C-alpha atoms as a PDB file:
ATOM      1  CA  MET A   1      88.403 120.833 171.185  1.00  0.00           C
ATOM      2  CA  ASN A   2      85.469 118.493 171.006  1.00  0.00           C
ATOM      3  CA  LYS A   3      82.178 118.647 169.243  1.00  0.00           C
ATOM      4  CA  LEU A   4      80.152 119.549 172.129  1.00  0.00           C
ATOM      5  CA  LYS A   5      82.349 122.329 173.022  1.00  0.00           C
ATOM      6  CA  GLU A   6      82.790 123.342 169.310  1.00  0.00           C
ATOM      7  CA  LYS A   7      78.882 123.684 168.932  1.00  0.00           C
ATOM      8  CA  ALA A   8      78.760 125.590 172.435  1.00  0.00           C
ATOM      9  CA  ARG A   9      81.440 128.724 171.055  1.00  0.00           C
ATOM     10  CA  GLN A  10      79.147 128.456 167.967  1.00  0.00           C
ATOM     11  CA  ALA A  11      76.302 128.974 170.120  1.00  0.00           C
ATOM     12  CA  GLU A  12      77.690 131.428 172.267  1.00  0.00           C
ATOM     13  CA  VAL A  13      78.427 133.575 169.045  1.00  0.00           C
ATOM     14  CA  LEU A  14      75.371 133.498 166.794  1.00  0.00           C
ATOM     15  CA  LEU A  15      73.473 134.845 170.310  1.00  0.00           C
ATOM     16  CA  ARG A  16      75.792 137.228 171.268  1.00  0.00           C
ATOM     17  CA  ARG A  17      75.417 138.611 167.293  1.00  0.00           C
ATOM     18  CA  GLU A  18      71.318 138.366 167.638  1.00  0.00           C
ATOM     19  CA  TYR A  19      71.827 139.885 171.018  1.00  0.00           C
ATOM     20  CA  PRO A  20      74.275 142.002 171.766  1.00  0.00           C
ATOM     21  CA  GLN A  21      73.078 143.533 175.196  1.00  0.00           C
ATOM     22  CA  ALA A  22      73.351 140.736 177.267  1.00  0.00           C
ATOM     23  CA  LEU A  23      71.613 142.233 180.241  1.00  0.00           C
ATOM     24  CA  CYS A  24      69.280 140.952 182.947  1.00  0.00           C
ATOM     25  CA  SER A  25      65.599 141.899 182.270  1.00  0.00           C
ATOM     26  CA  LEU A  26      65.266 142.972 186.116  1.00  0.00           C
ATOM     27  CA  GLU A  27      65.370 146.644 187.164  1.00  0.00           C
ATOM     28  CA  TYR A  28      67.567 146.883 189.953  1.00  0.00           C
ATOM     29  CA  GLU A  29      69.867 149.404 191.723  1.00  0.00           C
ATOM     30  CA  ASP A  30      72.351 148.053 193.898  1.00  0.00           C
ATOM     31  CA  PRO A  31      73.252 143.816 194.808  1.00  0.00           C
ATOM     32  CA  PHE A  32      70.370 143.465 197.600  1.00  0.00           C
ATOM     33  CA  GLN A  33      67.721 144.762 194.954  1.00  0.00           C
ATOM     34  CA  LEU A  34      68.878 142.423 192.583  1.00  0.00           C
ATOM     35  CA  LEU A  35      68.694 139.625 194.854  1.00  0.00           C
ATOM     36  CA  ALA A  36      65.365 140.667 196.299  1.00  0.00           C
ATOM     37  CA  ALA A  37      63.925 140.828 192.557  1.00  0.00           C
ATOM     38  CA  VAL A  38      65.103 137.262 191.353  1.00  0.00           C
ATOM     39  CA  ARG A  39      63.475 136.225 194.312  1.00  0.00           C
ATOM     40  CA  LEU A  40      60.284 137.483 193.426  1.00  0.00           C
ATOM     41  CA  SER A  41      60.972 136.205 189.486  1.00  0.00           C
ATOM     42  CA  ALA A  42      60.545 132.646 190.350  1.00  0.00           C
ATOM     43  CA  GLN A  43      57.432 131.401 188.608  1.00  0.00           C
ATOM     44  CA  CYS A  44      56.770 135.372 188.127  1.00  0.00           C
ATOM     45  CA  THR A  45      57.606 137.106 184.704  1.00  0.00           C
ATOM     46  CA  ASP A  46      59.921 139.892 184.945  1.00  0.00           C
ATOM     47  CA  ALA A  47      57.423 142.651 183.602  1.00  0.00           C
ATOM     48  CA  ARG A  48      55.676 141.888 186.533  1.00  0.00           C
ATOM     49  CA  VAL A  49      58.458 141.983 189.043  1.00  0.00           C
ATOM     50  CA  ASN A  50      59.477 145.359 187.441  1.00  0.00           C
ATOM     51  CA  LEU A  51      55.861 146.878 188.225  1.00  0.00           C
ATOM     52  CA  VAL A  52      55.774 145.652 191.477  1.00  0.00           C
ATOM     53  CA  THR A  53      59.470 146.393 192.930  1.00  0.00           C
ATOM     54  CA  PRO A  54      59.465 150.171 192.555  1.00  0.00           C
ATOM     55  CA  GLY A  55      56.533 150.578 195.309  1.00  0.00           C
ATOM     56  CA  LEU A  56      58.999 147.613 197.340  1.00  0.00           C
ATOM     57  CA  PHE A  57      61.999 149.586 197.348  1.00  0.00           C
ATOM     58  CA  GLU A  58      60.339 152.887 197.760  1.00  0.00           C
ATOM     59  CA  ALA A  59      59.347 151.491 200.713  1.00  0.00           C
ATOM     60  CA  TYR A  60      62.046 149.114 201.779  1.00  0.00           C
ATOM     61  CA  PRO A  61      65.311 150.174 200.019  1.00  0.00           C
ATOM     62  CA  THR A  62      68.331 148.565 201.700  1.00  0.00           C
ATOM     63  CA  VAL A  63      69.189 145.323 203.734  1.00  0.00           C
ATOM     64  CA  GLN A  64      68.584 147.464 207.028  1.00  0.00           C
ATOM     65  CA  ALA A  65      65.163 148.770 206.140  1.00  0.00           C
ATOM     66  CA  MET A  66      63.512 145.069 204.436  1.00  0.00           C
ATOM     67  CA  ALA A  67      65.036 143.151 207.439  1.00  0.00           C
ATOM     68  CA  ASN A  68      62.797 145.337 210.152  1.00  0.00           C
ATOM     69  CA  ALA A  69      59.970 145.118 207.783  1.00  0.00           C
ATOM     70  CA  PRO A  70      56.619 143.897 209.177  1.00  0.00           C
ATOM     71  CA  VAL A  71      55.937 140.906 207.108  1.00  0.00           C
ATOM     72  CA  GLU A  72      52.713 141.634 206.302  1.00  0.00           C
ATOM     73  CA  GLN A  73      53.617 144.966 205.040  1.00  0.00           C
ATOM     74  CA  VAL A  74      55.639 143.483 202.550  1.00  0.00           C
ATOM     75  CA  GLU A  75      52.720 141.096 201.777  1.00  0.00           C
ATOM     76  CA  LYS A  76      50.815 143.486 200.533  1.00  0.00           C
ATOM     77  CA  LEU A  77      53.619 145.291 198.051  1.00  0.00           C
ATOM     78  CA  ILE A  78      54.219 142.038 196.311  1.00  0.00           C
ATOM     79  CA  HIS A  79      50.727 140.489 196.486  1.00  0.00           C
ATOM     80  CA  SER A  80      50.599 140.292 193.125  1.00  0.00           C
ATOM     81  CA  CYS A  81      53.657 138.165 192.227  1.00  0.00           C
ATOM     82  CA  GLY A  82      52.018 135.614 193.806  1.00  0.00           C
ATOM     83  CA  PHE A  83      52.928 133.001 196.648  1.00  0.00           C
ATOM     84  CA  TYR A  84      53.280 136.187 198.315  1.00  0.00           C
ATOM     85  CA  ARG A  85      53.479 134.847 202.146  1.00  0.00           C
ATOM     86  CA  ALA A  86      56.324 132.532 201.622  1.00  0.00           C
ATOM     87  CA  ARG A  87      58.195 135.709 199.209  1.00  0.00           C
ATOM     88  CA  ALA A  88      58.034 138.167 201.770  1.00  0.00           C
ATOM     89  CA  ARG A  89      58.529 136.043 204.554  1.00  0.00           C
ATOM     90  CA  ASP A  90      62.003 135.034 202.762  1.00  0.00           C
ATOM     91  CA  LEU A  91      62.674 139.032 201.843  1.00  0.00           C
ATOM     92  CA  VAL A  92      62.669 139.498 205.834  1.00  0.00           C
ATOM     93  CA  ALA A  93      64.584 136.224 206.333  1.00  0.00           C
ATOM     94  CA  LEU A  94      66.772 136.826 204.100  1.00  0.00           C
ATOM     95  CA  SER A  95      67.851 140.451 204.751  1.00  0.00           C
ATOM     96  CA  LYS A  96      67.853 140.039 208.755  1.00  0.00           C
ATOM     97  CA  MET A  97      70.616 136.545 207.842  1.00  0.00           C
ATOM     98  CA  ILE A  98      72.811 139.195 205.166  1.00  0.00           C
ATOM     99  CA  LEU A  99      72.928 141.619 208.285  1.00  0.00           C
ATOM    100  CA  GLU A 100      73.595 139.081 210.937  1.00  0.00           C
ATOM    101  CA  ASP A 101      75.667 136.765 209.183  1.00  0.00           C
ATOM    102  CA  PHE A 102      77.744 138.653 206.461  1.00  0.00           C
ATOM    103  CA  GLY A 103      78.096 142.266 207.686  1.00  0.00           C
ATOM    104  CA  GLY A 104      75.243 143.649 205.528  1.00  0.00           C
ATOM    105  CA  LYS A 105      76.942 143.252 201.971  1.00  0.00           C
ATOM    106  CA  VAL A 106      75.390 140.630 199.569  1.00  0.00           C
ATOM    107  CA  PRO A 107      77.494 137.035 200.143  1.00  0.00           C
ATOM    108  CA  ASP A 108      79.780 136.499 197.069  1.00  0.00           C
ATOM    109  CA  SER A 109      80.128 132.979 196.754  1.00  0.00           C
ATOM    110  CA  ILE A 110      77.460 130.529 195.469  1.00  0.00           C
ATOM    111  CA  GLU A 111      77.781 128.634 198.827  1.00  0.00           C
ATOM    112  CA  LYS A 112      77.229 131.339 200.664  1.00  0.00           C
ATOM    113  CA  LEU A 113      74.019 132.459 198.809  1.00  0.00           C
ATOM    114  CA  THR A 114      72.695 129.643 198.978  1.00  0.00           C
ATOM    115  CA  LEU A 115      72.372 129.235 202.780  1.00  0.00           C
ATOM    116  CA  LEU A 116      69.936 132.556 202.703  1.00  0.00           C
ATOM    117  CA  PRO A 117      66.055 131.892 202.529  1.00  0.00           C
ATOM    118  CA  GLY A 118      64.401 131.092 199.397  1.00  0.00           C
ATOM    119  CA  VAL A 119      67.732 131.140 197.348  1.00  0.00           C
ATOM    120  CA  GLY A 120      68.848 128.452 195.366  1.00  0.00           C
ATOM    121  CA  ARG A 121      71.363 127.775 193.058  1.00  0.00           C
ATOM    122  CA  LYS A 122      69.860 129.747 190.067  1.00  0.00           C
ATOM    123  CA  THR A 123      69.415 133.160 192.060  1.00  0.00           C
ATOM    124  CA  ALA A 124      73.233 132.389 193.554  1.00  0.00           C
ATOM    125  CA  ASN A 125      74.644 131.958 190.142  1.00  0.00           C
ATOM    126  CA  LEU A 126      73.059 135.245 188.734  1.00  0.00           C
ATOM    127  CA  ILE A 127      73.934 137.176 191.610  1.00  0.00           C
ATOM    128  CA  MET A 128      77.744 135.872 191.435  1.00  0.00           C
ATOM    129  CA  GLY A 129      77.881 136.471 187.469  1.00  0.00           C
ATOM    130  CA  ASP A 130      75.756 140.074 187.554  1.00  0.00           C
ATOM    131  CA  VAL A 131      76.943 141.307 190.484  1.00  0.00           C
ATOM    132  CA  TYR A 132      80.454 139.950 191.203  1.00  0.00           C
ATOM    133  CA  GLY A 133      81.464 138.953 187.774  1.00  0.00           C
ATOM    134  CA  GLN A 134      82.422 135.731 187.996  1.00  0.00           C
ATOM    135  CA  PRO A 135      81.528 132.761 185.669  1.00  0.00           C
ATOM    136  CA  ALA A 136      77.893 131.622 186.487  1.00  0.00           C
ATOM    137  CA  VAL A 137      75.601 129.637 184.535  1.00  0.00           C
ATOM    138  CA  VAL A 138      71.836 130.525 185.382  1.00  0.00           C
ATOM    139  CA  ALA A 139      69.998 127.660 184.401  1.00  0.00           C
ATOM    140  CA  ASP A 140      66.323 128.879 183.792  1.00  0.00           C
ATOM    141  CA  THR A 141      63.475 127.778 182.312  1.00  0.00           C
ATOM    142  CA  HIS A 142      64.855 129.267 178.794  1.00  0.00           C
ATOM    143  CA  VAL A 143      68.297 127.577 179.383  1.00  0.00           C
ATOM    144  CA  ILE A 144      67.347 124.316 180.194  1.00  0.00           C
ATOM    145  CA  ARG A 145      64.796 124.184 177.154  1.00  0.00           C
ATOM    146  CA  ILE A 146      67.050 125.736 174.291  1.00  0.00           C
ATOM    147  CA  SER A 147      70.320 123.484 176.116  1.00  0.00           C
ATOM    148  CA  ASN A 148      68.359 120.490 175.450  1.00  0.00           C
ATOM    149  CA  LEU A 149      66.870 121.736 171.935  1.00  0.00           C
ATOM    150  CA  LEU A 150      70.452 122.061 170.301  1.00  0.00           C
ATOM    151  CA  GLY A 151      71.886 118.956 172.151  1.00  0.00           C
ATOM    152  CA  LEU A 152      73.925 120.972 174.895  1.00  0.00           C
ATOM    153  CA  ALA A 153      72.451 118.994 177.672  1.00  0.00           C
ATOM    154  CA  ASP A 154      70.496 115.919 177.962  1.00  0.00           C
ATOM    155  CA  SER A 155      68.519 116.592 181.473  1.00  0.00           C
ATOM    156  CA  LYS A 156      65.591 118.900 182.695  1.00  0.00           C
ATOM    157  CA  ASN A 157      67.219 118.887 186.216  1.00  0.00           C
ATOM    158  CA  PRO A 158      68.897 122.556 186.854  1.00  0.00           C
ATOM    159  CA  LEU A 159      71.901 121.421 188.709  1.00  0.00           C
ATOM    160  CA  LYS A 160      73.168 118.669 185.968  1.00  0.00           C
ATOM    161  CA  VAL A 161      72.346 121.270 182.991  1.00  0.00           C
ATOM    162  CA  GLU A 162      74.668 124.030 185.088  1.00  0.00           C
ATOM    163  CA  MET A 163      77.103 121.287 184.992  1.00  0.00           C
ATOM    164  CA  GLN A 164      76.915 120.620 181.699  1.00  0.00           C
ATOM    165  CA  LEU A 165      77.308 123.694 179.931  1.00  0.00           C
ATOM    166  CA  ARG A 166      80.000 124.716 182.729  1.00  0.00           C
ATOM    167  CA  GLU A 167      81.810 122.163 180.868  1.00  0.00           C
ATOM    168  CA  LEU A 168      80.758 123.154 177.481  1.00  0.00           C
ATOM    169  CA  LEU A 169      80.856 126.595 178.042  1.00  0.00           C
ATOM    170  CA  PRO A 170      84.073 129.159 177.727  1.00  0.00           C
ATOM    171  CA  PRO A 171      83.723 131.057 181.166  1.00  0.00           C
ATOM    172  CA  GLU A 172      84.043 134.286 180.135  1.00  0.00           C
ATOM    173  CA  HIS A 173      80.975 134.196 178.404  1.00  0.00           C
ATOM    174  CA  SER A 174      78.944 131.672 180.111  1.00  0.00           C
ATOM    175  CA  ASN A 175      76.849 134.455 182.138  1.00  0.00           C
ATOM    176  CA  ASP A 176      76.149 136.600 179.503  1.00  0.00           C
ATOM    177  CA  PHE A 177      75.189 133.128 177.118  1.00  0.00           C
ATOM    178  CA  CYS A 178      72.070 132.548 179.695  1.00  0.00           C
ATOM    179  CA  HIS A 179      70.862 136.161 179.727  1.00  0.00           C
ATOM    180  CA  ARG A 180      71.002 135.940 175.818  1.00  0.00           C
ATOM    181  CA  CYS A 181      69.074 132.300 175.949  1.00  0.00           C
ATOM    182  CA  VAL A 182      66.317 134.021 178.517  1.00  0.00           C
ATOM    183  CA  LEU A 183      65.798 136.691 175.546  1.00  0.00           C
ATOM    184  CA  HIS A 184      66.180 134.184 172.900  1.00  0.00           C
ATOM    185  CA  GLY A 185      63.545 132.043 175.000  1.00  0.00           C
ATOM    186  CA  ARG A 186      60.830 134.878 174.798  1.00  0.00           C
ATOM    187  CA  ASP A 187      61.576 136.281 171.100  1.00  0.00           C
ATOM    188  CA  VAL A 188      61.858 133.025 169.182  1.00  0.00           C
ATOM    189  CA  CYS A 189      62.907 129.327 170.545  1.00  0.00           C
ATOM    190  CA  ILE A 190      59.269 129.869 172.262  1.00  0.00           C
ATOM    191  CA  ALA A 191      58.251 126.766 174.524  1.00  0.00           C
ATOM    192  CA  ARG A 192      55.717 124.388 172.401  1.00  0.00           C
ATOM    193  CA  ARG A 193      55.887 126.762 169.714  1.00  0.00           C
ATOM    194  CA  PRO A 194      59.441 127.595 168.296  1.00  0.00           C
ATOM    195  CA  LYS A 195      59.931 129.910 165.590  1.00  0.00           C
ATOM    196  CA  CYS A 196      62.448 127.235 163.903  1.00  0.00           C
ATOM    197  CA  GLY A 197      62.200 129.106 160.404  1.00  0.00           C
ATOM    198  CA  VAL A 198      63.966 132.453 161.820  1.00  0.00           C
ATOM    199  CA  CYS A 199      66.235 131.228 164.294  1.00  0.00           C
ATOM    200  CA  THR A 200      69.668 132.096 164.405  1.00  0.00           C
ATOM    201  CA  LEU A 201      70.433 128.507 165.930  1.00  0.00           C
ATOM    202  CA  SER A 202      68.371 126.294 163.434  1.00  0.00           C
ATOM    203  CA  GLY A 203      71.998 125.304 161.758  1.00  0.00           C
ATOM    204  CA  ILE A 204      73.325 124.126 164.904  1.00  0.00           C
ATOM    205  CA  CYS A 205      69.869 122.583 166.583  1.00  0.00           C
ATOM    206  CA  ASP A 206      69.534 118.920 166.920  1.00  0.00           C
ATOM    207  CA  PHE A 207      66.312 119.483 167.244  1.00  0.00           C
ATOM    208  CA  PHE A 208      65.402 121.342 164.009  1.00  0.00           C
ATOM    209  CA  GLY A 209      68.111 119.119 162.474  1.00  0.00           C
ATOM    210  CA  ALA A 210      65.763 116.155 163.376  1.00  0.00           C
ATOM    211  CA  GLY A 211      62.615 117.736 161.740  1.00  0.00           C
END
């Protein structure tokens, strides 16, 4: 096992001890609702999305309902998430595409998911991991930052970081590792003001080791 793979294994074990419950913080009841919530979460906090989605899913709880929703009504329901016009347009359009091209079922591959309006690899990976239980690397801002600080990645490009982590992480733990990085990034390894003195990863962190 090379040094980077061993470091990745150690990071996964340490984060698993610190955050036993590696759960997505978005609230949802089915794969479609998770997909919609993740689309809303880009450049918006999960806490804000969780305030918005109950009203959205009460009005449009299914793919069929969302596909038939007036975009203007969706805009009103998600207004506080920001970028509401583009997000509402995407929610209605991706719902129509799921109905017309995928038989009403959220697609089960990254290639198919990324055909949906507004869905990139980060969203597709989360769906693959949380819904379909497949190895996935969700390269969000926390994962990118922490991976670079640890020395597991050397890029800010999400696709490059995803591919670097796929090479290093045990596939069966990769999705949970990303969820735990998000929790750790919010709680301890905060952007521009990390709490290195209480960080469970400090012993294997390049940033901390460099002083």
